[in-house]
PDB file of N, CA and C in Angstrom:
ATOM      1  N   MET A   1      15.293  -3.633   2.399  1.00  0.00           N
ATOM      2  CA  MET A   1      14.497  -2.496   2.766  1.00  0.00           C
ATOM      3  C   MET A   1      13.425  -3.122   3.656  1.00  0.00           C
ATOM      4  N   ILE A   2      12.675  -4.079   3.228  1.00  0.00           N
ATOM      5  CA  ILE A   2      11.636  -4.654   3.629  1.00  0.00           C
ATOM      6  C   ILE A   2      11.952  -5.078   5.428  1.00  0.00           C
ATOM      7  N   GLU A   3      13.058  -5.882   5.322  1.00  0.00           N
ATOM      8  CA  GLU A   3      13.707  -6.546   6.603  1.00  0.00           C
ATOM      9  C   GLU A   3      13.930  -5.353   7.645  1.00  0.00           C
ATOM     10  N   LYS A   4      14.471  -4.260   7.129  1.00  0.00           N
ATOM     11  CA  LYS A   4      14.944  -3.151   8.116  1.00  0.00           C
ATOM     12  C   LYS A   4      13.648  -2.500   8.506  1.00  0.00           C
ATOM     13  N   ILE A   5      12.753  -2.280   7.743  1.00  0.00           N
ATOM     14  CA  ILE A   5      11.439  -1.538   8.175  1.00  0.00           C
ATOM     15  C   ILE A   5      10.521  -2.353   9.159  1.00  0.00           C
ATOM     16  N   SER A   6      10.515  -3.765   8.739  1.00  0.00           N
ATOM     17  CA  SER A   6       9.707  -4.682   9.660  1.00  0.00           C
ATOM     18  C   SER A   6      10.469  -4.951  10.975  1.00  0.00           C
ATOM     19  N   GLN A   7      11.693  -4.535  11.292  1.00  0.00           N
ATOM     20  CA  GLN A   7      12.389  -4.682  12.571  1.00  0.00           C
ATOM     21  C   GLN A   7      11.961  -3.629  13.607  1.00  0.00           C
ATOM     22  N   ARG A   8      11.205  -2.531  12.972  1.00  0.00           N
ATOM     23  CA  ARG A   8      10.883  -1.516  13.885  1.00  0.00           C
ATOM     24  C   ARG A   8       9.478  -1.944  14.643  1.00  0.00           C
ATOM     25  N   GLU A   9       9.057  -1.171  15.558  1.00  0.00           N
ATOM     26  CA  GLU A   9       7.865  -1.412  16.295  1.00  0.00           C
ATOM     27  C   GLU A   9       6.871  -0.959  15.293  1.00  0.00           C
ATOM     28  N   CYS A  10       5.720  -1.964  15.095  1.00  0.00           N
ATOM     29  CA  CYS A  10       4.682  -1.602  14.295  1.00  0.00           C
ATOM     30  C   CYS A  10       3.588  -0.716  15.175  1.00  0.00           C
ATOM     31  N   TYR A  11       2.859  -0.185  14.134  1.00  0.00           N
ATOM     32  CA  TYR A  11       1.607   0.910  14.621  1.00  0.00           C
ATOM     33  C   TYR A  11       0.333   0.173  14.714  1.00  0.00           C
ATOM     34  N   GLY A  12       0.337  -0.990  13.997  1.00  0.00           N
ATOM     35  CA  GLY A  12      -0.970  -1.733  13.830  1.00  0.00           C
ATOM     36  C   GLY A  12      -0.628  -3.291  13.722  1.00  0.00           C
ATOM     37  N   ASP A  13      -1.398  -4.023  14.545  1.00  0.00           N
ATOM     38  CA  ASP A  13      -1.344  -5.507  14.383  1.00  0.00           C
ATOM     39  C   ASP A  13      -2.389  -6.153  14.611  1.00  0.00           C
ATOM     40  N   VAL A  14      -3.331  -6.857  13.876  1.00  0.00           N
ATOM     41  CA  VAL A  14      -4.516  -7.195  14.088  1.00  0.00           C
ATOM     42  C   VAL A  14      -4.727  -8.490  12.972  1.00  0.00           C
ATOM     43  N   THR A  15      -5.250  -9.692  14.005  1.00  0.00           N
ATOM     44  CA  THR A  15      -5.522 -10.944  13.157  1.00  0.00           C
ATOM     45  C   THR A  15      -7.295 -10.736  13.026  1.00  0.00           C
ATOM     46  N   LEU A  16      -7.720 -11.001  11.740  1.00  0.00           N
ATOM     47  CA  LEU A  16      -9.224 -10.937  11.453  1.00  0.00           C
ATOM     48  C   LEU A  16      -9.806 -12.182  11.852  1.00  0.00           C
ATOM     49  N   ASP A  17     -11.107 -12.287  11.779  1.00  0.00           N
ATOM     50  CA  ASP A  17     -11.744 -13.428  11.887  1.00  0.00           C
ATOM     51  C   ASP A  17     -11.641 -14.458  11.063  1.00  0.00           C
ATOM     52  N   ASP A  18     -11.066 -14.191   9.930  1.00  0.00           N
ATOM     53  CA  ASP A  18     -10.586 -15.180   8.945  1.00  0.00           C
ATOM     54  C   ASP A  18      -9.201 -15.734   9.399  1.00  0.00           C
ATOM     55  N   GLY A  19      -8.377 -15.243  10.364  1.00  0.00           N
ATOM     56  CA  GLY A  19      -7.297 -15.806  10.837  1.00  0.00           C
ATOM     57  C   GLY A  19      -6.184 -15.089  10.040  1.00  0.00           C
ATOM     58  N   VAL A  20      -6.229 -14.101   9.116  1.00  0.00           N
ATOM     59  CA  VAL A  20      -5.228 -13.274   8.397  1.00  0.00           C
ATOM     60  C   VAL A  20      -4.759 -12.249   9.284  1.00  0.00           C
ATOM     61  N   ARG A  21      -3.444 -12.066   9.488  1.00  0.00           N
ATOM     62  CA  ARG A  21      -2.882 -11.247  10.409  1.00  0.00           C
ATOM     63  C   ARG A  21      -2.411 -10.137   9.340  1.00  0.00           C
ATOM     64  N   HIS A  22      -2.714  -8.812   9.862  1.00  0.00           N
ATOM     65  CA  HIS A  22      -2.035  -7.611   9.281  1.00  0.00           C
ATOM     66  C   HIS A  22      -1.436  -6.769  10.339  1.00  0.00           C
ATOM     67  N   VAL A  23       0.042  -6.446   9.698  1.00  0.00           N
ATOM     68  CA  VAL A  23       0.844  -5.760  10.702  1.00  0.00           C
ATOM     69  C   VAL A  23       1.234  -4.598   9.675  1.00  0.00           C
ATOM     70  N   LEU A  24       1.302  -3.315  10.466  1.00  0.00           N
ATOM     71  CA  LEU A  24       1.555  -2.068   9.607  1.00  0.00           C
ATOM     72  C   LEU A  24       2.843  -1.489  10.322  1.00  0.00           C
ATOM     73  N   TRP A  25       3.691  -0.928   9.580  1.00  0.00           N
ATOM     74  CA  TRP A  25       4.770  -0.218   9.913  1.00  0.00           C
ATOM     75  C   TRP A  25       4.624   1.370   9.114  1.00  0.00           C
ATOM     76  N   ARG A  26       5.314   2.200   9.804  1.00  0.00           N
ATOM     77  CA  ARG A  26       5.301   3.468   9.220  1.00  0.00           C
ATOM     78  C   ARG A  26       6.710   3.417   8.389  1.00  0.00           C
ATOM     79  N   THR A  27       6.712   4.180   7.331  1.00  0.00           N
ATOM     80  CA  THR A  27       7.870   4.504   6.605  1.00  0.00           C
ATOM     81  C   THR A  27       8.176   5.889   6.234  1.00  0.00           C
ATOM     82  N   THR A  28       9.391   6.107   5.814  1.00  0.00           N
ATOM     83  CA  THR A  28       9.849   7.298   5.545  1.00  0.00           C
ATOM     84  C   THR A  28       9.563   7.798   4.281  1.00  0.00           C
ATOM     85  N   PRO A  29       9.356   9.020   3.926  1.00  0.00           N
ATOM     86  CA  PRO A  29       9.195   9.273   2.416  1.00  0.00           C
ATOM     87  C   PRO A  29       9.961   8.558   1.380  1.00  0.00           C
ATOM     88  N   GLU A  30      11.236   8.503   1.789  1.00  0.00           N
ATOM     89  CA  GLU A  30      12.356   7.778   0.940  1.00  0.00           C
ATOM     90  C   GLU A  30      12.397   6.365   0.905  1.00  0.00           C
ATOM     91  N   GLU A  31      11.703   5.769   2.081  1.00  0.00           N
ATOM     92  CA  GLU A  31      11.394   4.389   1.994  1.00  0.00           C
ATOM     93  C   GLU A  31      10.052   4.145   1.235  1.00  0.00           C
ATOM     94  N   ALA A  32       9.119   4.987   1.134  1.00  0.00           N
ATOM     95  CA  ALA A  32       7.744   4.813   0.525  1.00  0.00           C
ATOM     96  C   ALA A  32       8.167   4.814  -0.858  1.00  0.00           C
ATOM     97  N   GLU A  33       9.147   5.771  -1.209  1.00  0.00           N
ATOM     98  CA  GLU A  33       9.610   5.986  -2.598  1.00  0.00           C
ATOM     99  C   GLU A  33      10.144   4.513  -3.197  1.00  0.00           C
ATOM    100  N   TRP A  34      10.998   3.965  -2.466  1.00  0.00           N
ATOM    101  CA  TRP A  34      11.519   2.650  -2.868  1.00  0.00           C
ATOM    102  C   TRP A  34      10.465   1.722  -3.154  1.00  0.00           C
ATOM    103  N   PHE A  35       9.329   1.485  -2.407  1.00  0.00           N
ATOM    104  CA  PHE A  35       8.373   0.644  -2.777  1.00  0.00           C
ATOM    105  C   PHE A  35       7.606   1.022  -4.158  1.00  0.00           C
ATOM    106  N   VAL A  36       7.611   2.484  -4.304  1.00  0.00           N
ATOM    107  CA  VAL A  36       6.960   2.839  -5.605  1.00  0.00           C
ATOM    108  C   VAL A  36       7.789   2.342  -6.735  1.00  0.00           C
ATOM    109  N   GLN A  37       9.074   2.469  -6.693  1.00  0.00           N
ATOM    110  CA  GLN A  37      10.163   2.125  -7.629  1.00  0.00           C
ATOM    111  C   GLN A  37       9.885   0.729  -7.902  1.00  0.00           C
ATOM    112  N   GLU A  38       9.866  -0.075  -6.882  1.00  0.00           N
ATOM    113  CA  GLU A  38       9.818  -1.526  -6.820  1.00  0.00           C
ATOM    114  C   GLU A  38       8.683  -2.124  -7.737  1.00  0.00           C
ATOM    115  N   PHE A  39       7.337  -1.463  -7.279  1.00  0.00           N
ATOM    116  CA  PHE A  39       6.286  -1.926  -7.869  1.00  0.00           C
ATOM    117  C   PHE A  39       5.948  -1.279  -9.444  1.00  0.00           C
ATOM    118  N   GLU A  40       6.827  -0.421  -9.638  1.00  0.00           N
ATOM    119  CA  GLU A  40       7.059   0.170 -11.100  1.00  0.00           C
ATOM    120  C   GLU A  40       7.682  -1.034 -12.101  1.00  0.00           C
ATOM    121  N   LYS A  41       8.495  -1.883 -11.518  1.00  0.00           N
ATOM    122  CA  LYS A  41       9.212  -2.698 -12.214  1.00  0.00           C
ATOM    123  C   LYS A  41       8.241  -4.035 -12.611  1.00  0.00           C
ATOM    124  N   VAL A  42       6.868  -4.001 -12.029  1.00  0.00           N
ATOM    125  CA  VAL A  42       6.251  -5.086 -12.167  1.00  0.00           C
ATOM    126  C   VAL A  42       5.351  -4.676 -13.398  1.00  0.00           C
ATOM    127  N   PRO A  43       5.269  -5.300 -14.452  1.00  0.00           N
ATOM    128  CA  PRO A  43       4.796  -5.055 -15.815  1.00  0.00           C
ATOM    129  C   PRO A  43       3.097  -5.062 -15.739  1.00  0.00           C
ATOM    130  N   ASN A  44       2.515  -6.242 -14.919  1.00  0.00           N
ATOM    131  CA  ASN A  44       1.250  -6.436 -15.115  1.00  0.00           C
ATOM    132  C   ASN A  44       0.949  -6.942 -13.408  1.00  0.00           C
ATOM    133  N   LEU A  45      -0.017  -6.643 -12.976  1.00  0.00           N
ATOM    134  CA  LEU A  45      -0.656  -6.977 -11.622  1.00  0.00           C
ATOM    135  C   LEU A  45      -2.092  -7.156 -11.585  1.00  0.00           C
ATOM    136  N   TYR A  46      -2.418  -8.411 -11.050  1.00  0.00           N
ATOM    137  CA  TYR A  46      -3.729  -8.926 -10.962  1.00  0.00           C
ATOM    138  C   TYR A  46      -4.049  -8.917  -9.553  1.00  0.00           C
ATOM    139  N   VAL A  47      -5.027  -8.369  -9.001  1.00  0.00           N
ATOM    140  CA  VAL A  47      -5.785  -8.266  -7.656  1.00  0.00           C
ATOM    141  C   VAL A  47      -6.622  -9.263  -7.649  1.00  0.00           C
ATOM    142  N   ALA A  48      -6.562 -10.679  -6.960  1.00  0.00           N
ATOM    143  CA  ALA A  48      -7.746 -11.484  -7.066  1.00  0.00           C
ATOM    144  C   ALA A  48      -8.721 -11.116  -6.041  1.00  0.00           C
ATOM    145  N   ASP A  49      -8.501 -10.635  -4.845  1.00  0.00           N
ATOM    146  CA  ASP A  49      -9.439 -10.411  -3.819  1.00  0.00           C
ATOM    147  C   ASP A  49      -9.203  -8.892  -3.687  1.00  0.00           C
ATOM    148  N   GLY A  50     -10.154  -8.267  -3.489  1.00  0.00           N
ATOM    149  CA  GLY A  50     -10.275  -6.854  -3.085  1.00  0.00           C
ATOM    150  C   GLY A  50     -10.008  -6.053  -4.278  1.00  0.00           C
ATOM    151  N   HIS A  51     -10.420  -6.555  -5.509  1.00  0.00           N
ATOM    152  CA  HIS A  51     -10.113  -5.588  -6.833  1.00  0.00           C
ATOM    153  C   HIS A  51     -11.084  -4.513  -6.764  1.00  0.00           C
ATOM    154  N   HIS A  52     -12.439  -4.558  -6.026  1.00  0.00           N
ATOM    155  CA  HIS A  52     -13.072  -3.511  -6.452  1.00  0.00           C
ATOM    156  C   HIS A  52     -12.586  -2.365  -5.445  1.00  0.00           C
ATOM    157  N   ARG A  53     -11.963  -2.633  -4.328  1.00  0.00           N
ATOM    158  CA  ARG A  53     -11.607  -1.603  -3.493  1.00  0.00           C
ATOM    159  C   ARG A  53     -10.412  -1.044  -4.002  1.00  0.00           C
ATOM    160  N   THR A  54      -9.597  -1.895  -4.513  1.00  0.00           N
ATOM    161  CA  THR A  54      -8.503  -1.493  -5.400  1.00  0.00           C
ATOM    162  C   THR A  54      -8.704  -0.273  -6.383  1.00  0.00           C
ATOM    163  N   ALA A  55      -9.799  -0.855  -7.377  1.00  0.00           N
ATOM    164  CA  ALA A  55     -10.421   0.175  -8.271  1.00  0.00           C
ATOM    165  C   ALA A  55     -10.817   1.353  -7.750  1.00  0.00           C
ATOM    166  N   ALA A  56     -11.449   1.436  -6.677  1.00  0.00           N
ATOM    167  CA  ALA A  56     -12.252   2.268  -5.822  1.00  0.00           C
ATOM    168  C   ALA A  56     -11.150   3.411  -5.586  1.00  0.00           C
ATOM    169  N   ALA A  57      -9.974   2.921  -4.760  1.00  0.00           N
ATOM    170  CA  ALA A  57      -8.997   3.575  -4.228  1.00  0.00           C
ATOM    171  C   ALA A  57      -8.247   4.370  -5.444  1.00  0.00           C
ATOM    172  N   PHE A  58      -8.136   3.645  -6.531  1.00  0.00           N
ATOM    173  CA  PHE A  58      -7.619   4.286  -7.797  1.00  0.00           C
ATOM    174  C   PHE A  58      -8.483   5.445  -8.310  1.00  0.00           C
ATOM    175  N   ASN A  59      -9.718   5.377  -8.494  1.00  0.00           N
ATOM    176  CA  ASN A  59     -10.521   6.468  -8.712  1.00  0.00           C
ATOM    177  C   ASN A  59     -10.614   7.751  -7.884  1.00  0.00           C
ATOM    178  N   VAL A  60     -10.440   7.239  -6.533  1.00  0.00           N
ATOM    179  CA  VAL A  60     -10.568   8.223  -5.530  1.00  0.00           C
ATOM    180  C   VAL A  60      -9.320   9.089  -5.670  1.00  0.00           C
ATOM    181  N   GLY A  61      -8.092   8.400  -6.060  1.00  0.00           N
ATOM    182  CA  GLY A  61      -6.640   9.117  -6.376  1.00  0.00           C
ATOM    183  C   GLY A  61      -6.746   9.797  -7.635  1.00  0.00           C
ATOM    184  N   LYS A  62      -7.518   9.638  -8.493  1.00  0.00           N
ATOM    185  CA  LYS A  62      -7.592  10.382  -9.848  1.00  0.00           C
ATOM    186  C   LYS A  62      -8.289  11.500  -9.520  1.00  0.00           C
ATOM    187  N   ARG A  63      -9.370  11.496  -8.816  1.00  0.00           N
ATOM    188  CA  ARG A  63     -10.355  12.724  -8.527  1.00  0.00           C
ATOM    189  C   ARG A  63      -9.381  13.780  -7.565  1.00  0.00           C
ATOM    190  N   ARG A  64      -8.820  13.301  -6.611  1.00  0.00           N
ATOM    191  CA  ARG A  64      -8.061  14.095  -5.876  1.00  0.00           C
ATOM    192  C   ARG A  64      -6.899  14.693  -6.557  1.00  0.00           C
ATOM    193  N   GLU A  65      -6.348  14.059  -7.605  1.00  0.00           N
ATOM    194  CA  GLU A  65      -5.177  14.766  -8.299  1.00  0.00           C
ATOM    195  C   GLU A  65      -6.038  15.751  -9.361  1.00  0.00           C
ATOM    196  N   ALA A  66      -7.240  15.463  -9.710  1.00  0.00           N
ATOM    197  CA  ALA A  66      -7.784  16.491 -10.712  1.00  0.00           C
ATOM    198  C   ALA A  66      -8.238  17.692  -9.780  1.00  0.00           C
ATOM    199  N   ILE A  67      -8.822  17.509  -8.682  1.00  0.00           N
ATOM    200  CA  ILE A  67      -9.176  18.630  -7.697  1.00  0.00           C
ATOM    201  C   ILE A  67      -7.749  19.527  -7.461  1.00  0.00           C
ATOM    202  N   ALA A  68      -6.621  18.795  -7.055  1.00  0.00           N
ATOM    203  CA  ALA A  68      -5.454  19.452  -6.903  1.00  0.00           C
ATOM    204  C   ALA A  68      -5.016  20.255  -7.920  1.00  0.00           C
ATOM    205  N   LYS A  69      -5.257  19.974  -9.149  1.00  0.00           N
ATOM    206  CA  LYS A  69      -4.811  20.690 -10.451  1.00  0.00           C
ATOM    207  C   LYS A  69      -5.685  21.818 -10.800  1.00  0.00           C
ATOM    208  N   SER A  70      -6.957  21.636 -10.273  1.00  0.00           N
ATOM    209  CA  SER A  70      -7.827  22.843 -10.735  1.00  0.00           C
ATOM    210  C   SER A  70      -7.873  24.044  -9.599  1.00  0.00           C
TER     211      SER A  70
END
């Protein structure tokens, strides 16, 4: 699936000051669901860099979910 998606034209391609390149591709809802299913197979995940942003994003998602339910 990743090979298929990465063959498309990207909508974002930037190399930051630290030399790390970030390339972004759009996915269909079905393709996005594939990624969700693949990550659900990972029993534990440790984010070494960016863990504060990851936690903040998780909290924002939970708040949005609570607002949507109310």
